[in-house]
């Protein structure tokens, strides 16, 4: 049994991660300032032996009493809607927040796990994207606040690894979906499902031919734990290599929800990536991990959850 600190614990991924760690017998200290997280994601854990919640902004000094075996840094706005509305907070949690949580891991002699992102590849000129690709990012564009925050976080993590010999892991996360996605968080899967379930037009930006790869949250969490428990520093792509156009996703959502909504087209946002697909050769070879939940099945499960949320 380990004692693990999870930042961003009340968020989409953080809350599922807390569930998985507790299920395997770890103790969890969950930290979240609830800027984009929601207590409803972890309220079922209150009173569960081994779980502690602390409301705190990790952009300020972080301290946890007692022994800590691992620090998993998942705190950050993660959807375009959120980081475009909170650009400075996004940069601070990627820089100061990473520095503070690395400091905690160093002090405790703990393993450090960074939740990075496929956004470090920007609008990629290499396809699919292997971990060796350095990316094609506009540092001064509106999306740059998230891309560069994560790129800095990776650099800071590796600096601690090289200079302080800190044991670190870096996961690059591709589009993930599933229960606990906020209905209004602005990600394409939740946007389409909410629009379909409420009978509103599905909004496709551009011509819909841009591609994304969608990983169901259960698969993603398995990948995180496999990397955390391994001896591989990374960075490592943890995502689903299945590639779909946004228009194909919209059509599949309409089919899964049996919705009569129409599809409408809006102008493409600035610096929106044209393609996104992980090369997961490394994760397959080194971790024995790959996703197993098909997109249709994952969308069905997510739609059922969102339908219950919308009813409430």
Protein backbone atom coordinates (compact mmCIF):
# COMPACT_ATOMS: atom_id res chain seq x y z
CA UNK A 1 0.00 0.00 0.00
CA UNK A 2 1.24 3.46 -0.94
CA UNK A 3 0.27 6.96 0.17
CA UNK A 4 -0.39 9.02 -2.93
CA UNK A 5 -1.08 12.74 -3.42
CA UNK A 6 -3.32 13.58 -6.39
CA UNK A 7 -3.67 17.21 -7.46
CA UNK A 8 -6.76 18.08 -9.46
CA UNK A 9 -8.49 15.31 -7.53
CA UNK A 10 -12.02 16.64 -8.08
CA UNK A 11 -11.56 16.94 -11.83
CA UNK A 12 -12.57 14.51 -14.55
CA UNK A 13 -9.38 12.46 -14.71
CA UNK A 14 -8.26 13.14 -11.15
CA UNK A 15 -11.44 11.75 -9.62
CA UNK A 16 -11.27 8.53 -11.66
CA UNK A 17 -7.62 8.21 -10.67
CA UNK A 18 -8.52 8.54 -6.99
CA UNK A 19 -11.10 5.76 -7.43
CA UNK A 20 -8.55 3.45 -9.04
CA UNK A 21 -5.82 4.10 -6.47
CA UNK A 22 -8.18 3.51 -3.53
CA UNK A 23 -9.58 0.37 -5.20
CA UNK A 24 -6.12 -1.17 -5.27
CA UNK A 25 -5.47 -0.33 -1.62
CA UNK A 26 -3.54 2.93 -1.76
CA UNK A 27 -4.18 5.86 0.56
CA UNK A 28 -5.02 9.06 -1.32
CA UNK A 29 -4.66 12.72 -0.38
CA UNK A 30 -6.72 14.59 -2.96
CA UNK A 31 -5.98 18.29 -3.52
CA UNK A 32 -8.19 20.61 -5.60
CA UNK A 33 -9.14 24.30 -5.51
CA UNK A 34 -12.43 23.56 -7.34
CA UNK A 35 -11.85 26.12 -10.09
CA UNK A 36 -12.79 23.52 -12.71
CA UNK A 37 -13.14 20.49 -10.42
CA UNK A 38 -16.42 19.56 -8.73
CA UNK A 39 -16.90 17.99 -5.31
CA UNK A 40 -19.69 15.84 -6.76
CA UNK A 41 -16.96 13.86 -8.54
CA UNK A 42 -15.43 12.73 -5.24
CA UNK A 43 -18.25 13.06 -2.69
CA UNK A 44 -18.71 9.27 -2.81
CA UNK A 45 -15.17 9.01 -1.41
CA UNK A 46 -15.82 11.11 1.69
CA UNK A 47 -15.77 8.69 4.59
CA UNK A 48 -13.92 6.01 2.58
CA UNK A 49 -10.96 4.78 4.66
CA UNK A 50 -7.69 6.10 3.26
CA UNK A 51 -9.11 9.14 1.44
CA UNK A 52 -8.46 12.73 2.51
CA UNK A 53 -9.52 15.86 0.64
CA UNK A 54 -7.73 19.21 0.93
CA UNK A 55 -9.02 22.37 -0.76
CA UNK A 56 -5.90 24.19 -1.94
CA UNK A 57 -4.43 25.96 -4.97
CA UNK A 58 -1.16 24.21 -5.81
CA UNK A 59 0.13 27.40 -7.46
CA UNK A 60 0.81 28.31 -3.82
CA UNK A 61 3.20 26.38 -1.57
CA UNK A 62 2.14 22.75 -1.13
CA UNK A 63 2.74 20.71 2.01
CA UNK A 64 1.31 17.37 3.08
CA UNK A 65 2.15 15.99 6.54
CA UNK A 66 3.36 12.44 6.90
CA UNK A 67 5.00 10.08 4.42
CA UNK A 68 4.21 10.30 0.69
CA UNK A 69 5.19 7.65 -1.86
CA UNK A 70 3.97 9.35 -5.04
CA UNK A 71 2.79 12.80 -6.16
CA UNK A 72 0.51 12.80 -9.22
CA UNK A 73 0.12 16.30 -10.67
CA UNK A 74 -3.19 16.52 -12.58
CA UNK A 75 -4.25 20.04 -11.56
CA UNK A 76 -4.93 22.29 -14.57
CA UNK A 77 -7.77 23.62 -16.67
CA UNK A 78 -7.85 21.10 -19.52
CA UNK A 79 -10.57 22.09 -22.00
CA UNK A 80 -10.11 24.95 -24.49
CA UNK A 81 -13.11 26.76 -22.99
CA UNK A 82 -11.50 26.72 -19.54
CA UNK A 83 -7.94 27.65 -20.41
CA UNK A 84 -9.04 30.40 -22.79
CA UNK A 85 -11.14 31.90 -19.98
CA UNK A 86 -8.37 31.39 -17.39
CA UNK A 87 -5.10 31.88 -19.28
CA UNK A 88 -3.01 33.17 -16.39
CA UNK A 89 -4.24 30.55 -13.91
CA UNK A 90 -3.42 27.89 -16.53
CA UNK A 91 0.14 29.17 -16.92
CA UNK A 92 0.57 29.42 -13.15
CA UNK A 93 -0.57 25.87 -12.39
CA UNK A 94 1.69 24.55 -15.16
CA UNK A 95 4.70 26.48 -13.88
CA UNK A 96 4.33 27.32 -10.18
CA UNK A 97 2.05 24.35 -9.54
CA UNK A 98 4.51 21.95 -11.13
CA UNK A 99 7.42 23.52 -9.23
CA UNK A 100 5.57 23.26 -5.90
CA UNK A 101 4.49 19.65 -6.39
CA UNK A 102 7.97 18.66 -7.56
CA UNK A 103 9.28 20.26 -4.38
CA UNK A 104 6.88 18.17 -2.32
CA UNK A 105 7.99 14.99 -4.10
CA UNK A 106 11.66 15.88 -3.59
CA UNK A 107 11.16 16.56 0.13
CA UNK A 108 9.27 13.30 0.63
CA UNK A 109 11.50 11.17 -1.57
CA UNK A 110 8.40 10.36 -3.62
CA UNK A 111 7.89 9.40 -7.25
CA UNK A 112 6.49 12.28 -9.32
CA UNK A 113 3.92 11.76 -12.11
CA UNK A 114 3.16 14.62 -14.52
CA UNK A 115 -0.08 14.66 -16.46
CA UNK A 116 1.11 16.28 -19.67
CA UNK A 117 -0.81 16.47 -22.93
CA UNK A 118 -0.80 15.81 -26.66
CA UNK A 119 -1.11 19.60 -26.96
CA UNK A 120 2.69 19.74 -26.60
CA UNK A 121 2.70 18.58 -30.24
CA UNK A 122 0.62 21.61 -31.28
CA UNK A 123 -0.65 21.42 -34.87
CA UNK A 124 1.62 18.51 -35.75
CA UNK A 125 3.66 18.19 -38.91
CA UNK A 126 4.45 14.54 -38.08
CA UNK A 127 1.57 12.05 -38.12
CA UNK A 128 0.88 10.02 -36.05
CA UNK A 129 2.82 11.65 -33.23
CA UNK A 130 5.63 9.67 -31.54
CA UNK A 131 7.19 10.85 -28.29
CA UNK A 132 10.35 11.81 -30.18
CA UNK A 133 8.47 14.55 -32.09
CA UNK A 134 9.23 18.01 -30.66
CA UNK A 135 6.00 19.63 -31.78
CA UNK A 136 4.75 22.62 -33.78
CA UNK A 137 3.31 25.08 -31.26
CA UNK A 138 2.40 28.76 -31.61
CA UNK A 139 3.68 30.12 -28.25
CA UNK A 140 1.85 33.47 -28.57
CA UNK A 141 -1.49 32.19 -29.88
CA UNK A 142 -4.54 31.88 -27.62
CA UNK A 143 -4.03 28.11 -27.16
CA UNK A 144 -0.37 28.67 -26.27
CA UNK A 145 -1.20 29.24 -22.60
CA UNK A 146 -2.06 25.55 -22.22
CA UNK A 147 0.48 24.16 -24.69
CA UNK A 148 3.39 26.10 -23.24
CA UNK A 149 2.34 25.52 -19.62
CA UNK A 150 2.58 21.78 -20.23
CA UNK A 151 5.80 22.06 -22.23
CA UNK A 152 7.33 24.05 -19.36
CA UNK A 153 6.00 21.48 -16.88
CA UNK A 154 7.75 18.70 -18.80
CA UNK A 155 11.01 20.70 -18.87
CA UNK A 156 10.81 21.42 -15.13
CA UNK A 157 10.06 17.77 -14.37
CA UNK A 158 13.06 16.59 -16.37
CA UNK A 159 15.26 19.26 -14.73
CA UNK A 160 14.34 17.84 -11.30
CA UNK A 161 14.99 14.34 -12.64
CA UNK A 162 18.46 15.23 -13.93
CA UNK A 163 19.58 17.71 -11.25
CA UNK A 164 17.94 16.28 -8.12
CA UNK A 165 17.76 12.66 -9.36
CA UNK A 166 14.02 12.70 -8.68
CA UNK A 167 12.15 9.62 -9.87
CA UNK A 168 9.62 10.97 -12.41
CA UNK A 169 7.02 9.81 -14.94
CA UNK A 170 5.53 11.91 -17.76
CA UNK A 171 2.31 10.89 -19.53
CA UNK A 172 1.13 12.70 -22.65
CA UNK A 173 -2.65 12.49 -22.61
CA UNK A 174 -4.75 12.52 -25.79
CA UNK A 175 -8.48 13.32 -25.93
CA UNK A 176 -10.15 11.42 -23.11
CA UNK A 177 -13.88 11.10 -22.45
CA UNK A 178 -16.31 9.30 -20.18
CA UNK A 179 -18.54 9.83 -17.14
CA UNK A 180 -17.84 13.00 -15.09
CA UNK A 181 -17.07 15.17 -18.10
CA UNK A 182 -18.75 18.48 -17.26
CA UNK A 183 -21.73 19.02 -19.59
CA UNK A 184 -20.56 22.55 -20.38
CA UNK A 185 -16.80 22.08 -20.38
CA UNK A 186 -16.41 22.76 -24.10
CA UNK A 187 -14.75 19.49 -25.14
CA UNK A 188 -16.00 18.05 -28.40
CA UNK A 189 -17.43 14.78 -26.97
CA UNK A 190 -19.41 16.46 -24.19
CA UNK A 191 -20.50 19.25 -26.56
CA UNK A 192 -21.88 16.81 -29.12
CA UNK A 193 -23.52 14.51 -26.58
CA UNK A 194 -25.24 17.35 -24.70
CA UNK A 195 -26.42 18.93 -27.96
CA UNK A 196 -27.75 15.59 -29.22
CA UNK A 197 -29.47 14.73 -25.94
CA UNK A 198 -31.16 18.14 -25.73
CA UNK A 199 -32.20 18.27 -29.38
CA UNK A 200 -29.90 21.15 -30.30
CA UNK A 201 -27.78 21.31 -33.48
CA UNK A 202 -24.34 19.73 -33.23
CA UNK A 203 -21.72 22.45 -33.78
CA UNK A 204 -18.84 21.33 -36.01
CA UNK A 205 -15.99 23.81 -36.42
CA UNK A 206 -14.42 24.13 -39.85
CA UNK A 207 -15.37 21.46 -42.37
CA UNK A 208 -15.18 18.67 -39.77
CA UNK A 209 -12.34 16.90 -41.56
CA UNK A 210 -9.84 17.60 -38.75
CA UNK A 211 -9.07 14.40 -36.84
CA UNK A 212 -8.88 13.43 -33.19
CA UNK A 213 -8.28 10.22 -31.24
CA UNK A 214 -10.60 9.47 -28.32
CA UNK A 215 -9.67 7.29 -25.34
CA UNK A 216 -12.28 6.08 -22.86
CA UNK A 217 -11.44 7.08 -19.30
CA UNK A 218 -11.15 3.52 -17.92
CA UNK A 219 -8.48 2.71 -20.51
CA UNK A 220 -6.68 5.98 -19.81
CA UNK A 221 -6.51 5.33 -16.05
CA UNK A 222 -5.12 1.82 -16.66
CA UNK A 223 -2.41 3.43 -18.75
CA UNK A 224 -1.55 5.92 -16.00
CA UNK A 225 -1.19 3.22 -13.38
CA UNK A 226 0.88 1.04 -15.70
CA UNK A 227 3.29 3.95 -16.29
CA UNK A 228 3.33 4.94 -12.60
CA UNK A 229 4.24 1.40 -11.55
CA UNK A 230 6.82 0.91 -14.31
CA UNK A 231 10.48 1.89 -14.40
CA UNK A 232 10.05 4.11 -17.47
CA UNK A 233 10.39 7.87 -17.14
CA UNK A 234 8.69 8.79 -20.39
CA UNK A 235 7.36 10.98 -21.81
CA UNK A 236 4.90 8.36 -22.97
CA UNK A 237 1.80 8.73 -25.11
CA UNK A 238 -1.27 7.38 -23.31
CA UNK A 239 -4.14 7.58 -25.77
CA UNK A 240 -6.23 5.67 -28.28
CA UNK A 241 -4.63 5.35 -31.75
CA UNK A 242 -8.03 5.13 -33.43
CA UNK A 243 -8.37 8.27 -35.57
CA UNK A 244 -11.74 9.84 -36.40
CA UNK A 245 -12.76 13.02 -38.17
CA UNK A 246 -14.81 15.39 -36.04
CA UNK A 247 -17.65 15.01 -38.54
CA UNK A 248 -17.56 11.21 -38.16
CA UNK A 249 -17.71 11.67 -34.38
CA UNK A 250 -20.78 13.91 -34.74
CA UNK A 251 -22.53 11.33 -36.91
CA UNK A 252 -21.70 8.53 -34.46
CA UNK A 253 -23.05 10.61 -31.54
CA UNK A 254 -26.33 11.13 -33.42
CA UNK A 255 -26.55 7.38 -34.01
CA UNK A 256 -25.71 6.41 -30.41
CA UNK A 257 -28.21 8.88 -28.92
CA UNK A 258 -30.87 8.26 -31.60
CA UNK A 259 -31.08 12.04 -31.93
CA UNK A 260 -32.73 13.99 -34.70
CA UNK A 261 -30.42 16.98 -34.24
CA UNK A 262 -28.87 18.51 -37.33
CA UNK A 263 -25.19 19.29 -37.84
CA UNK A 264 -24.20 22.94 -38.31
CA UNK A 265 -20.81 24.37 -39.22
CA UNK A 266 -18.97 27.28 -37.59
CA UNK A 267 -15.58 28.89 -38.35
CA UNK A 268 -12.51 26.99 -37.13
CA UNK A 269 -10.89 28.44 -33.96
CA UNK A 270 -7.38 29.90 -34.14
CA UNK A 271 -4.56 27.30 -34.14
CA UNK A 272 -7.00 24.38 -34.01
CA UNK A 273 -4.91 21.25 -34.82
CA UNK A 274 -5.74 19.61 -38.15
CA UNK A 275 -4.72 16.11 -37.02
CA UNK A 276 -4.11 14.35 -33.73
CA UNK A 277 -3.25 10.66 -33.32
CA UNK A 278 -0.88 9.01 -30.84
CA UNK A 279 1.80 6.54 -31.77
CA UNK A 280 1.50 4.17 -28.78
CA UNK A 281 4.22 1.74 -29.84
CA UNK A 282 6.20 2.60 -26.71
CA UNK A 283 3.27 2.03 -24.33
CA UNK A 284 2.48 -1.29 -26.01
CA UNK A 285 6.09 -2.47 -25.85
CA UNK A 286 7.16 -1.19 -22.45
CA UNK A 287 3.91 -1.25 -20.47
CA UNK A 288 1.91 -3.94 -22.25
CA UNK A 289 -0.89 -1.37 -22.41
CA UNK A 290 -3.36 -0.47 -25.10
CA UNK A 291 -6.98 0.72 -25.02
CA UNK A 292 -9.77 -1.83 -25.40
CA UNK A 293 -13.03 0.19 -25.25
CA UNK A 294 -14.38 0.97 -28.73
CA UNK A 295 -15.61 4.49 -29.42
CA UNK A 296 -19.25 3.45 -29.89
CA UNK A 297 -19.30 1.60 -26.56
CA UNK A 298 -17.58 4.46 -24.74
CA UNK A 299 -19.94 7.05 -26.21
CA UNK A 300 -22.93 4.94 -25.18
CA UNK A 301 -21.71 4.77 -21.56
CA UNK A 302 -20.94 8.50 -21.51
CA UNK A 303 -24.32 9.40 -23.04
CA UNK A 304 -26.13 7.37 -20.38
CA UNK A 305 -24.25 9.21 -17.62
CA UNK A 306 -24.80 12.64 -19.16
CA UNK A 307 -28.49 11.91 -19.65
CA UNK A 308 -28.84 11.27 -15.91
CA UNK A 309 -26.96 14.50 -15.13
CA UNK A 310 -29.16 16.52 -17.48
CA UNK A 311 -32.31 15.02 -15.92
CA UNK A 312 -31.17 16.21 -12.49
